[in-house]
Amino acid sequence: VYTTDSQRMCEEVYSGAPQESYECLENSV
């Protein structure tokens, strides 16, 4: 998973097995 938000610029935030659910941060991609 890669995320861009106010703190991250297309940064890898997770690597591993698929999870039941994922936290999707406000104002993020």
mmCIF file of all heavy atoms, coordinates in Angstrom:
data_MODEL
# 
_entry.id   MODEL 
# 
loop_
_atom_site.group_PDB 
_atom_site.id 
_atom_site.type_symbol 
_atom_site.label_atom_id 
_atom_site.label_alt_id 
_atom_site.label_comp_id 
_atom_site.label_asym_id 
_atom_site.label_entity_id 
_atom_site.label_seq_id 
_atom_site.pdbx_PDB_ins_code 
_atom_site.Cartn_x 
_atom_site.Cartn_y 
_atom_site.Cartn_z 
_atom_site.occupancy 
_atom_site.B_iso_or_equiv 
_atom_site.pdbx_formal_charge 
_atom_site.auth_seq_id 
_atom_site.auth_comp_id 
_atom_site.auth_asym_id 
_atom_site.auth_atom_id 
_atom_site.pdbx_PDB_model_num 
ATOM 1   N N   . VAL A 1 1  ? 0.842   -1.192  0.000  1.00 0.00 ? 1  VAL A N   1 
ATOM 2   C CA  . VAL A 1 1  ? 0.000   0.000   0.000  1.00 0.00 ? 1  VAL A CA  1 
ATOM 3   C C   . VAL A 1 1  ? 0.880   1.245   0.000  1.00 0.00 ? 1  VAL A C   1 
ATOM 4   O O   . VAL A 1 1  ? 1.823   1.345   0.793  1.00 0.00 ? 1  VAL A O   1 
ATOM 5   C CB  . VAL A 1 1  ? -0.939  0.037   1.225  1.00 0.00 ? 1  VAL A CB  1 
ATOM 6   C CG1 . VAL A 1 1  ? -1.863  1.257   1.143  1.00 0.00 ? 1  VAL A CG1 1 
ATOM 7   C CG2 . VAL A 1 1  ? -1.746  -1.250  1.322  1.00 0.00 ? 1  VAL A CG2 1 
ATOM 8   N N   . TYR A 1 2  ? 0.551   2.185   -0.897 1.00 0.00 ? 2  TYR A N   1 
ATOM 9   C CA  . TYR A 1 2  ? 1.216   3.488   -0.953 1.00 0.00 ? 2  TYR A CA  1 
ATOM 10  C C   . TYR A 1 2  ? 0.166   4.563   -0.696 1.00 0.00 ? 2  TYR A C   1 
ATOM 11  O O   . TYR A 1 2  ? -0.955  4.477   -1.199 1.00 0.00 ? 2  TYR A O   1 
ATOM 12  C CB  . TYR A 1 2  ? 1.870   3.718   -2.313 1.00 0.00 ? 2  TYR A CB  1 
ATOM 13  C CG  . TYR A 1 2  ? 3.029   2.791   -2.605 1.00 0.00 ? 2  TYR A CG  1 
ATOM 14  C CD1 . TYR A 1 2  ? 2.814   1.515   -3.113 1.00 0.00 ? 2  TYR A CD1 1 
ATOM 15  C CD2 . TYR A 1 2  ? 4.340   3.205   -2.371 1.00 0.00 ? 2  TYR A CD2 1 
ATOM 16  C CE1 . TYR A 1 2  ? 3.874   0.652   -3.378 1.00 0.00 ? 2  TYR A CE1 1 
ATOM 17  C CE2 . TYR A 1 2  ? 5.410   2.359   -2.646 1.00 0.00 ? 2  TYR A CE2 1 
ATOM 18  C CZ  . TYR A 1 2  ? 5.168   1.083   -3.142 1.00 0.00 ? 2  TYR A CZ  1 
ATOM 19  O OH  . TYR A 1 2  ? 6.219   0.246   -3.394 1.00 0.00 ? 2  TYR A OH  1 
ATOM 20  N N   . THR A 1 3  ? 0.562   5.596   0.067  1.00 0.00 ? 3  THR A N   1 
ATOM 21  C CA  . THR A 1 3  ? -0.393  6.636   0.441  1.00 0.00 ? 3  THR A CA  1 
ATOM 22  C C   . THR A 1 3  ? 0.202   8.028   0.269  1.00 0.00 ? 3  THR A C   1 
ATOM 23  O O   . THR A 1 3  ? 1.385   8.250   0.530  1.00 0.00 ? 3  THR A O   1 
ATOM 24  C CB  . THR A 1 3  ? -0.846  6.456   1.909  1.00 0.00 ? 3  THR A CB  1 
ATOM 25  O OG1 . THR A 1 3  ? -1.607  5.253   2.021  1.00 0.00 ? 3  THR A OG1 1 
ATOM 26  C CG2 . THR A 1 3  ? -1.703  7.624   2.388  1.00 0.00 ? 3  THR A CG2 1 
ATOM 27  N N   . THR A 1 4  ? -0.651  8.931   -0.171 1.00 0.00 ? 4  THR A N   1 
ATOM 28  C CA  . THR A 1 4  ? -0.343  10.369  -0.184 1.00 0.00 ? 4  THR A CA  1 
ATOM 29  C C   . THR A 1 4  ? -1.377  11.082  0.671  1.00 0.00 ? 4  THR A C   1 
ATOM 30  O O   . THR A 1 4  ? -2.584  10.888  0.478  1.00 0.00 ? 4  THR A O   1 
ATOM 31  C CB  . THR A 1 4  ? -0.370  10.936  -1.612 1.00 0.00 ? 4  THR A CB  1 
ATOM 32  O OG1 . THR A 1 4  ? 0.704   10.391  -2.368 1.00 0.00 ? 4  THR A OG1 1 
ATOM 33  C CG2 . THR A 1 4  ? -0.235  12.461  -1.589 1.00 0.00 ? 4  THR A CG2 1 
ATOM 34  N N   . ASP A 1 5  ? -0.903  11.869  1.634  1.00 0.00 ? 5  ASP A N   1 
ATOM 35  C CA  . ASP A 1 5  ? -1.775  12.733  2.429  1.00 0.00 ? 5  ASP A CA  1 
ATOM 36  C C   . ASP A 1 5  ? -0.948  13.925  2.878  1.00 0.00 ? 5  ASP A C   1 
ATOM 37  O O   . ASP A 1 5  ? 0.070   14.241  2.261  1.00 0.00 ? 5  ASP A O   1 
ATOM 38  C CB  . ASP A 1 5  ? -2.400  11.971  3.605  1.00 0.00 ? 5  ASP A CB  1 
ATOM 39  C CG  . ASP A 1 5  ? -1.364  11.413  4.581  1.00 0.00 ? 5  ASP A CG  1 
ATOM 40  O OD1 . ASP A 1 5  ? -0.166  11.766  4.456  1.00 0.00 ? 5  ASP A OD1 1 
ATOM 41  O OD2 . ASP A 1 5  ? -1.739  10.635  5.473  1.00 0.00 ? 5  ASP A OD2 1 
ATOM 42  N N   . SER A 1 6  ? -1.374  14.593  3.924  1.00 0.00 ? 6  SER A N   1 
ATOM 43  C CA  . SER A 1 6  ? -0.649  15.798  4.356  1.00 0.00 ? 6  SER A CA  1 
ATOM 44  C C   . SER A 1 6  ? 0.735   15.485  4.920  1.00 0.00 ? 6  SER A C   1 
ATOM 45  O O   . SER A 1 6  ? 1.573   16.387  5.040  1.00 0.00 ? 6  SER A O   1 
ATOM 46  C CB  . SER A 1 6  ? -1.473  16.555  5.402  1.00 0.00 ? 6  SER A CB  1 
ATOM 47  O OG  . SER A 1 6  ? -1.686  15.750  6.556  1.00 0.00 ? 6  SER A OG  1 
ATOM 48  N N   . GLN A 1 7  ? 0.985   14.218  5.263  1.00 0.00 ? 7  GLN A N   1 
ATOM 49  C CA  . GLN A 1 7  ? 2.256   13.832  5.855  1.00 0.00 ? 7  GLN A CA  1 
ATOM 50  C C   . GLN A 1 7  ? 3.107   12.956  4.936  1.00 0.00 ? 7  GLN A C   1 
ATOM 51  O O   . GLN A 1 7  ? 4.312   12.825  5.149  1.00 0.00 ? 7  GLN A O   1 
ATOM 52  C CB  . GLN A 1 7  ? 2.013   13.072  7.173  1.00 0.00 ? 7  GLN A CB  1 
ATOM 53  C CG  . GLN A 1 7  ? 1.193   13.831  8.198  1.00 0.00 ? 7  GLN A CG  1 
ATOM 54  C CD  . GLN A 1 7  ? 1.870   15.101  8.658  1.00 0.00 ? 7  GLN A CD  1 
ATOM 55  O OE1 . GLN A 1 7  ? 3.082   15.129  8.872  1.00 0.00 ? 7  GLN A OE1 1 
ATOM 56  N NE2 . GLN A 1 7  ? 1.091   16.170  8.782  1.00 0.00 ? 7  GLN A NE2 1 
ATOM 57  N N   . ARG A 1 8  ? 2.509   12.362  3.929  1.00 0.00 ? 8  ARG A N   1 
ATOM 58  C CA  . ARG A 1 8  ? 3.197   11.382  3.087  1.00 0.00 ? 8  ARG A CA  1 
ATOM 59  C C   . ARG A 1 8  ? 3.078   11.767  1.621  1.00 0.00 ? 8  ARG A C   1 
ATOM 60  O O   . ARG A 1 8  ? 2.069   12.305  1.201  1.00 0.00 ? 8  ARG A O   1 
ATOM 61  C CB  . ARG A 1 8  ? 2.616   9.984   3.306  1.00 0.00 ? 8  ARG A CB  1 
ATOM 62  C CG  . ARG A 1 8  ? 2.679   9.511   4.750  1.00 0.00 ? 8  ARG A CG  1 
ATOM 63  C CD  . ARG A 1 8  ? 1.810   8.285   4.963  1.00 0.00 ? 8  ARG A CD  1 
ATOM 64  N NE  . ARG A 1 8  ? 1.770   7.874   6.366  1.00 0.00 ? 8  ARG A NE  1 
ATOM 65  C CZ  . ARG A 1 8  ? 0.974   8.405   7.281  1.00 0.00 ? 8  ARG A CZ  1 
ATOM 66  N NH1 . ARG A 1 8  ? 0.124   9.378   6.931  1.00 0.00 ? 8  ARG A NH1 1 
ATOM 67  N NH2 . ARG A 1 8  ? 1.005   7.991   8.535  1.00 0.00 ? 8  ARG A NH2 1 
ATOM 68  N N   . MET A 1 9  ? 4.102   11.425  0.871  1.00 0.00 ? 9  MET A N   1 
ATOM 69  C CA  . MET A 1 9  ? 4.117   11.721  -0.558 1.00 0.00 ? 9  MET A CA  1 
ATOM 70  C C   . MET A 1 9  ? 4.344   10.423  -1.322 1.00 0.00 ? 9  MET A C   1 
ATOM 71  O O   . MET A 1 9  ? 5.472   10.043  -1.618 1.00 0.00 ? 9  MET A O   1 
ATOM 72  C CB  . MET A 1 9  ? 5.205   12.742  -0.880 1.00 0.00 ? 9  MET A CB  1 
ATOM 73  C CG  . MET A 1 9  ? 5.032   14.065  -0.155 1.00 0.00 ? 9  MET A CG  1 
ATOM 74  S SD  . MET A 1 9  ? 6.420   15.179  -0.444 1.00 0.00 ? 9  MET A SD  1 
ATOM 75  C CE  . MET A 1 9  ? 5.945   16.576  0.598  1.00 0.00 ? 9  MET A CE  1 
ATOM 76  N N   . CYS A 1 10 ? 3.259   9.716   -1.582 1.00 0.00 ? 10 CYS A N   1 
ATOM 77  C CA  . CYS A 1 10 ? 3.286   8.407   -2.241 1.00 0.00 ? 10 CYS A CA  1 
ATOM 78  C C   . CYS A 1 10 ? 4.309   7.498   -1.562 1.00 0.00 ? 10 CYS A C   1 
ATOM 79  O O   . CYS A 1 10 ? 5.204   6.960   -2.200 1.00 0.00 ? 10 CYS A O   1 
ATOM 80  C CB  . CYS A 1 10 ? 3.596   8.547   -3.733 1.00 0.00 ? 10 CYS A CB  1 
ATOM 81  S SG  . CYS A 1 10 ? 3.150   7.071   -4.700 1.00 0.00 ? 10 CYS A SG  1 
ATOM 82  N N   . GLU A 1 11 ? 4.133   7.318   -0.274 1.00 0.00 ? 11 GLU A N   1 
ATOM 83  C CA  . GLU A 1 11 ? 5.050   6.503   0.523  1.00 0.00 ? 11 GLU A CA  1 
ATOM 84  C C   . GLU A 1 11 ? 4.431   5.141   0.825  1.00 0.00 ? 11 GLU A C   1 
ATOM 85  O O   . GLU A 1 11 ? 3.226   5.016   1.039  1.00 0.00 ? 11 GLU A O   1 
ATOM 86  C CB  . GLU A 1 11 ? 5.380   7.210   1.838  1.00 0.00 ? 11 GLU A CB  1 
ATOM 87  C CG  . GLU A 1 11 ? 6.131   8.508   1.652  1.00 0.00 ? 11 GLU A CG  1 
ATOM 88  C CD  . GLU A 1 11 ? 6.410   9.213   2.971  1.00 0.00 ? 11 GLU A CD  1 
ATOM 89  O OE1 . GLU A 1 11 ? 6.254   8.567   4.033  1.00 0.00 ? 11 GLU A OE1 1 
ATOM 90  O OE2 . GLU A 1 11 ? 6.762   10.405  2.943  1.00 0.00 ? 11 GLU A OE2 1 
ATOM 91  N N   . GLU A 1 12 ? 5.283   4.114   0.868  1.00 0.00 ? 12 GLU A N   1 
ATOM 92  C CA  . GLU A 1 12 ? 4.827   2.793   1.236  1.00 0.00 ? 12 GLU A CA  1 
ATOM 93  C C   . GLU A 1 12 ? 4.448   2.784   2.712  1.00 0.00 ? 12 GLU A C   1 
ATOM 94  O O   . GLU A 1 12 ? 5.248   3.151   3.571  1.00 0.00 ? 12 GLU A O   1 
ATOM 95  C CB  . GLU A 1 12 ? 5.906   1.758   0.976  1.00 0.00 ? 12 GLU A CB  1 
ATOM 96  C CG  . GLU A 1 12 ? 5.491   0.332   1.285  1.00 0.00 ? 12 GLU A CG  1 
ATOM 97  C CD  . GLU A 1 12 ? 6.589   -0.682  1.002  1.00 0.00 ? 12 GLU A CD  1 
ATOM 98  O OE1 . GLU A 1 12 ? 7.233   -0.588  -0.083 1.00 0.00 ? 12 GLU A OE1 1 
ATOM 99  O OE2 . GLU A 1 12 ? 6.820   -1.554  1.867  1.00 0.00 ? 12 GLU A OE2 1 
ATOM 100 N N   . VAL A 1 13 ? 3.216   2.349   3.007  1.00 0.00 ? 13 VAL A N   1 
ATOM 101 C CA  . VAL A 1 13 ? 2.745   2.344   4.396  1.00 0.00 ? 13 VAL A CA  1 
ATOM 102 C C   . VAL A 1 13 ? 2.425   0.934   4.884  1.00 0.00 ? 13 VAL A C   1 
ATOM 103 O O   . VAL A 1 13 ? 2.192   0.734   6.082  1.00 0.00 ? 13 VAL A O   1 
ATOM 104 C CB  . VAL A 1 13 ? 1.502   3.242   4.562  1.00 0.00 ? 13 VAL A CB  1 
ATOM 105 C CG1 . VAL A 1 13 ? 1.844   4.697   4.272  1.00 0.00 ? 13 VAL A CG1 1 
ATOM 106 C CG2 . VAL A 1 13 ? 0.354   2.771   3.667  1.00 0.00 ? 13 VAL A CG2 1 
ATOM 107 N N   . TYR A 1 14 ? 2.396   -0.032  3.959  1.00 0.00 ? 14 TYR A N   1 
ATOM 108 C CA  . TYR A 1 14 ? 2.125   -1.401  4.376  1.00 0.00 ? 14 TYR A CA  1 
ATOM 109 C C   . TYR A 1 14 ? 2.651   -2.361  3.321  1.00 0.00 ? 14 TYR A C   1 
ATOM 110 O O   . TYR A 1 14 ? 2.561   -2.101  2.116  1.00 0.00 ? 14 TYR A O   1 
ATOM 111 C CB  . TYR A 1 14 ? 0.624   -1.646  4.568  1.00 0.00 ? 14 TYR A CB  1 
ATOM 112 C CG  . TYR A 1 14 ? 0.303   -3.080  4.940  1.00 0.00 ? 14 TYR A CG  1 
ATOM 113 C CD1 . TYR A 1 14 ? 0.441   -3.519  6.256  1.00 0.00 ? 14 TYR A CD1 1 
ATOM 114 C CD2 . TYR A 1 14 ? -0.102  -3.997  3.973  1.00 0.00 ? 14 TYR A CD2 1 
ATOM 115 C CE1 . TYR A 1 14 ? 0.180   -4.839  6.602  1.00 0.00 ? 14 TYR A CE1 1 
ATOM 116 C CE2 . TYR A 1 14 ? -0.374  -5.319  4.315  1.00 0.00 ? 14 TYR A CE2 1 
ATOM 117 C CZ  . TYR A 1 14 ? -0.226  -5.732  5.630  1.00 0.00 ? 14 TYR A CZ  1 
ATOM 118 O OH  . TYR A 1 14 ? -0.473  -7.028  5.971  1.00 0.00 ? 14 TYR A OH  1 
ATOM 119 N N   . SER A 1 15 ? 3.172   -3.498  3.782  1.00 0.00 ? 15 SER A N   1 
ATOM 120 C CA  . SER A 1 15 ? 3.575   -4.584  2.896  1.00 0.00 ? 15 SER A CA  1 
ATOM 121 C C   . SER A 1 15 ? 3.409   -5.894  3.659  1.00 0.00 ? 15 SER A C   1 
ATOM 122 O O   . SER A 1 15 ? 3.952   -6.056  4.758  1.00 0.00 ? 15 SER A O   1 
ATOM 123 C CB  . SER A 1 15 ? 5.025   -4.414  2.437  1.00 0.00 ? 15 SER A CB  1 
ATOM 124 O OG  . SER A 1 15 ? 5.411   -5.475  1.581  1.00 0.00 ? 15 SER A OG  1 
ATOM 125 N N   . GLY A 1 16 ? 2.644   -6.815  3.116  1.00 0.00 ? 16 GLY A N   1 
ATOM 126 C CA  . GLY A 1 16 ? 2.400   -8.071  3.797  1.00 0.00 ? 16 GLY A CA  1 
ATOM 127 C C   . GLY A 1 16 ? 1.183   -8.764  3.229  1.00 0.00 ? 16 GLY A C   1 
ATOM 128 O O   . GLY A 1 16 ? 0.805   -8.552  2.066  1.00 0.00 ? 16 GLY A O   1 
ATOM 129 N N   . ALA A 1 17 ? 0.554   -9.580  4.050  1.00 0.00 ? 17 ALA A N   1 
ATOM 130 C CA  . ALA A 1 17 ? -0.643  -10.294 3.619  1.00 0.00 ? 17 ALA A CA  1 
ATOM 131 C C   . ALA A 1 17 ? -1.841  -9.349  3.614  1.00 0.00 ? 17 ALA A C   1 
ATOM 132 O O   . ALA A 1 17 ? -1.903  -8.413  4.417  1.00 0.00 ? 17 ALA A O   1 
ATOM 133 C CB  . ALA A 1 17 ? -0.910  -11.474 4.549  1.00 0.00 ? 17 ALA A CB  1 
ATOM 134 N N   . PRO A 1 18 ? -2.805  -9.580  2.723  1.00 0.00 ? 18 PRO A N   1 
ATOM 135 C CA  . PRO A 1 18 ? -4.028  -8.763  2.735  1.00 0.00 ? 18 PRO A CA  1 
ATOM 136 C C   . PRO A 1 18 ? -4.723  -8.852  4.094  1.00 0.00 ? 18 PRO A C   1 
ATOM 137 O O   . PRO A 1 18 ? -4.720  -9.899  4.741  1.00 0.00 ? 18 PRO A O   1 
ATOM 138 C CB  . PRO A 1 18 ? -4.879  -9.385  1.622  1.00 0.00 ? 18 PRO A CB  1 
ATOM 139 C CG  . PRO A 1 18 ? -3.877  -10.001 0.693  1.00 0.00 ? 18 PRO A CG  1 
ATOM 140 C CD  . PRO A 1 18 ? -2.791  -10.530 1.587  1.00 0.00 ? 18 PRO A CD  1 
ATOM 141 N N   . GLN A 1 19 ? -5.325  -7.742  4.510  1.00 0.00 ? 19 GLN A N   1 
ATOM 142 C CA  . GLN A 1 19 ? -5.974  -7.650  5.808  1.00 0.00 ? 19 GLN A CA  1 
ATOM 143 C C   . GLN A 1 19 ? -7.496  -7.595  5.648  1.00 0.00 ? 19 GLN A C   1 
ATOM 144 O O   . GLN A 1 19 ? -8.028  -7.417  4.556  1.00 0.00 ? 19 GLN A O   1 
ATOM 145 C CB  . GLN A 1 19 ? -5.484  -6.397  6.539  1.00 0.00 ? 19 GLN A CB  1 
ATOM 146 C CG  . GLN A 1 19 ? -3.970  -6.331  6.728  1.00 0.00 ? 19 GLN A CG  1 
ATOM 147 C CD  . GLN A 1 19 ? -3.464  -7.446  7.631  1.00 0.00 ? 19 GLN A CD  1 
ATOM 148 O OE1 . GLN A 1 19 ? -3.856  -7.548  8.790  1.00 0.00 ? 19 GLN A OE1 1 
ATOM 149 N NE2 . GLN A 1 19 ? -2.584  -8.279  7.081  1.00 0.00 ? 19 GLN A NE2 1 
ATOM 150 N N   . GLU A 1 20 ? -8.168  -7.745  6.783  1.00 0.00 ? 20 GLU A N   1 
ATOM 151 C CA  . GLU A 1 20 ? -9.619  -7.688  6.792  1.00 0.00 ? 20 GLU A CA  1 
ATOM 152 C C   . GLU A 1 20 ? -10.110 -6.308  6.368  1.00 0.00 ? 20 GLU A C   1 
ATOM 153 O O   . GLU A 1 20 ? -11.079 -6.165  5.625  1.00 0.00 ? 20 GLU A O   1 
ATOM 154 C CB  . GLU A 1 20 ? -10.160 -8.030  8.180  1.00 0.00 ? 20 GLU A CB  1 
ATOM 155 C CG  . GLU A 1 20 ? -11.668 -7.934  8.324  1.00 0.00 ? 20 GLU A CG  1 
ATOM 156 C CD  . GLU A 1 20 ? -12.428 -8.957  7.516  1.00 0.00 ? 20 GLU A CD  1 
ATOM 157 O OE1 . GLU A 1 20 ? -11.818 -9.990  7.138  1.00 0.00 ? 20 GLU A OE1 1 
ATOM 158 O OE2 . GLU A 1 20 ? -13.620 -8.742  7.252  1.00 0.00 ? 20 GLU A OE2 1 
ATOM 159 N N   . SER A 1 21 ? -9.437  -5.267  6.867  1.00 0.00 ? 21 SER A N   1 
ATOM 160 C CA  . SER A 1 21 ? -9.799  -3.896  6.500  1.00 0.00 ? 21 SER A CA  1 
ATOM 161 C C   . SER A 1 21 ? -8.560  -3.017  6.654  1.00 0.00 ? 21 SER A C   1 
ATOM 162 O O   . SER A 1 21 ? -7.544  -3.423  7.235  1.00 0.00 ? 21 SER A O   1 
ATOM 163 C CB  . SER A 1 21 ? -10.941 -3.373  7.369  1.00 0.00 ? 21 SER A CB  1 
ATOM 164 O OG  . SER A 1 21 ? -10.533 -3.264  8.717  1.00 0.00 ? 21 SER A OG  1 
ATOM 165 N N   . TYR A 1 22 ? -8.689  -1.799  6.135  1.00 0.00 ? 22 TYR A N   1 
ATOM 166 C CA  . TYR A 1 22 ? -7.551  -0.878  6.123  1.00 0.00 ? 22 TYR A CA  1 
ATOM 167 C C   . TYR A 1 22 ? -8.029  0.497   6.553  1.00 0.00 ? 22 TYR A C   1 
ATOM 168 O O   . TYR A 1 22 ? -9.122  0.937   6.174  1.00 0.00 ? 22 TYR A O   1 
ATOM 169 C CB  . TYR A 1 22 ? -6.930  -0.790  4.723  1.00 0.00 ? 22 TYR A CB  1 
ATOM 170 C CG  . TYR A 1 22 ? -6.709  -2.143  4.110  1.00 0.00 ? 22 TYR A CG  1 
ATOM 171 C CD1 . TYR A 1 22 ? -7.670  -2.693  3.247  1.00 0.00 ? 22 TYR A CD1 1 
ATOM 172 C CD2 . TYR A 1 22 ? -5.579  -2.886  4.403  1.00 0.00 ? 22 TYR A CD2 1 
ATOM 173 C CE1 . TYR A 1 22 ? -7.500  -3.945  2.704  1.00 0.00 ? 22 TYR A CE1 1 
ATOM 174 C CE2 . TYR A 1 22 ? -5.394  -4.148  3.860  1.00 0.00 ? 22 TYR A CE2 1 
ATOM 175 C CZ  . TYR A 1 22 ? -6.355  -4.673  3.010  1.00 0.00 ? 22 TYR A CZ  1 
ATOM 176 O OH  . TYR A 1 22 ? -6.185  -5.925  2.470  1.00 0.00 ? 22 TYR A OH  1 
ATOM 177 N N   . GLU A 1 23 ? -7.199  1.171   7.320  1.00 0.00 ? 23 GLU A N   1 
ATOM 178 C CA  . GLU A 1 23 ? -7.527  2.539   7.711  1.00 0.00 ? 23 GLU A CA  1 
ATOM 179 C C   . GLU A 1 23 ? -7.213  3.471   6.551  1.00 0.00 ? 23 GLU A C   1 
ATOM 180 O O   . GLU A 1 23 ? -6.076  3.541   6.097  1.00 0.00 ? 23 GLU A O   1 
ATOM 181 C CB  . GLU A 1 23 ? -6.731  2.953   8.949  1.00 0.00 ? 23 GLU A CB  1 
ATOM 182 C CG  . GLU A 1 23 ? -7.114  4.334   9.461  1.00 0.00 ? 23 GLU A CG  1 
ATOM 183 C CD  . GLU A 1 23 ? -6.321  4.746   10.689 1.00 0.00 ? 23 GLU A CD  1 
ATOM 184 O OE1 . GLU A 1 23 ? -5.069  4.721   10.617 1.00 0.00 ? 23 GLU A OE1 1 
ATOM 185 O OE2 . GLU A 1 23 ? -6.948  5.095   11.702 1.00 0.00 ? 23 GLU A OE2 1 
ATOM 186 N N   . CYS A 1 24 ? -8.219  4.158   6.087  1.00 0.00 ? 24 CYS A N   1 
ATOM 187 C CA  . CYS A 1 24 ? -8.067  5.105   4.984  1.00 0.00 ? 24 CYS A CA  1 
ATOM 188 C C   . CYS A 1 24 ? -8.137  6.507   5.577  1.00 0.00 ? 24 CYS A C   1 
ATOM 189 O O   . CYS A 1 24 ? -9.190  6.967   6.023  1.00 0.00 ? 24 CYS A O   1 
ATOM 190 C CB  . CYS A 1 24 ? -9.174  4.884   3.956  1.00 0.00 ? 24 CYS A CB  1 
ATOM 191 S SG  . CYS A 1 24 ? -8.922  5.717   2.389  1.00 0.00 ? 24 CYS A SG  1 
ATOM 192 N N   . LEU A 1 25 ? -7.008  7.178   5.591  1.00 0.00 ? 25 LEU A N   1 
ATOM 193 C CA  . LEU A 1 25 ? -6.893  8.456   6.278  1.00 0.00 ? 25 LEU A CA  1 
ATOM 194 C C   . LEU A 1 25 ? -7.668  9.553   5.570  1.00 0.00 ? 25 LEU A C   1 
ATOM 195 O O   . LEU A 1 25 ? -7.902  9.500   4.354  1.00 0.00 ? 25 LEU A O   1 
ATOM 196 C CB  . LEU A 1 25 ? -5.423  8.853   6.388  1.00 0.00 ? 25 LEU A CB  1 
ATOM 197 C CG  . LEU A 1 25 ? -4.531  7.871   7.170  1.00 0.00 ? 25 LEU A CG  1 
ATOM 198 C CD1 . LEU A 1 25 ? -3.066  8.276   7.055  1.00 0.00 ? 25 LEU A CD1 1 
ATOM 199 C CD2 . LEU A 1 25 ? -4.965  7.797   8.632  1.00 0.00 ? 25 LEU A CD2 1 
ATOM 200 N N   . GLU A 1 26 ? -8.074  10.566  6.334  1.00 0.00 ? 26 GLU A N   1 
ATOM 201 C CA  . GLU A 1 26 ? -8.813  11.683  5.747  1.00 0.00 ? 26 GLU A CA  1 
ATOM 202 C C   . GLU A 1 26 ? -7.951  12.410  4.728  1.00 0.00 ? 26 GLU A C   1 
ATOM 203 O O   . GLU A 1 26 ? -6.724  12.508  4.870  1.00 0.00 ? 26 GLU A O   1 
ATOM 204 C CB  . GLU A 1 26 ? -9.267  12.649  6.840  1.00 0.00 ? 26 GLU A CB  1 
ATOM 205 C CG  . GLU A 1 26 ? -8.134  13.356  7.573  1.00 0.00 ? 26 GLU A CG  1 
ATOM 206 C CD  . GLU A 1 26 ? -8.651  14.342  8.597  1.00 0.00 ? 26 GLU A CD  1 
ATOM 207 O OE1 . GLU A 1 26 ? -9.834  14.697  8.529  1.00 0.00 ? 26 GLU A OE1 1 
ATOM 208 O OE2 . GLU A 1 26 ? -7.860  14.754  9.465  1.00 0.00 ? 26 GLU A OE2 1 
ATOM 209 N N   . ASN A 1 27 ? -8.598  12.903  3.686  1.00 0.00 ? 27 ASN A N   1 
ATOM 210 C CA  . ASN A 1 27 ? -7.923  13.656  2.625  1.00 0.00 ? 27 ASN A CA  1 
ATOM 211 C C   . ASN A 1 27 ? -6.664  12.946  2.159  1.00 0.00 ? 27 ASN A C   1 
ATOM 212 O O   . ASN A 1 27 ? -5.558  13.479  2.212  1.00 0.00 ? 27 ASN A O   1 
ATOM 213 C CB  . ASN A 1 27 ? -7.592  15.070  3.108  1.00 0.00 ? 27 ASN A CB  1 
ATOM 214 C CG  . ASN A 1 27 ? -8.832  15.861  3.434  1.00 0.00 ? 27 ASN A CG  1 
ATOM 215 O OD1 . ASN A 1 27 ? -9.826  15.804  2.715  1.00 0.00 ? 27 ASN A OD1 1 
ATOM 216 N ND2 . ASN A 1 27 ? -8.797  16.606  4.532  1.00 0.00 ? 27 ASN A ND2 1 
ATOM 217 N N   . SER A 1 28 ? -6.866  11.725  1.688  1.00 0.00 ? 28 SER A N   1 
ATOM 218 C CA  . SER A 1 28 ? -5.727  10.902  1.280  1.00 0.00 ? 28 SER A CA  1 
ATOM 219 C C   . SER A 1 28 ? -6.026  10.168  -0.015 1.00 0.00 ? 28 SER A C   1 
ATOM 220 O O   . SER A 1 28 ? -7.179  10.037  -0.441 1.00 0.00 ? 28 SER A O   1 
ATOM 221 C CB  . SER A 1 28 ? -5.395  9.882   2.374  1.00 0.00 ? 28 SER A CB  1 
ATOM 222 O OG  . SER A 1 28 ? -6.422  8.898   2.475  1.00 0.00 ? 28 SER A OG  1 
ATOM 223 N N   . VAL A 1 29 ? -4.950  9.673   -0.626 1.00 0.00 ? 29 VAL A N   1 
ATOM 224 C CA  . VAL A 1 29 ? -5.038  8.784   -1.779 1.00 0.00 ? 29 VAL A CA  1 
ATOM 225 C C   . VAL A 1 29 ? -4.227  7.551   -1.437 1.00 0.00 ? 29 VAL A C   1 
ATOM 226 O O   . VAL A 1 29 ? -3.060  7.669   -1.047 1.00 0.00 ? 29 VAL A O   1 
ATOM 227 C CB  . VAL A 1 29 ? -4.465  9.428   -3.057 1.00 0.00 ? 29 VAL A CB  1 
ATOM 228 C CG1 . VAL A 1 29 ? -4.793  8.556   -4.268 1.00 0.00 ? 29 VAL A CG1 1 
ATOM 229 C CG2 . VAL A 1 29 ? -4.971  10.831  -3.247 1.00 0.00 ? 29 VAL A CG2 1 
# 
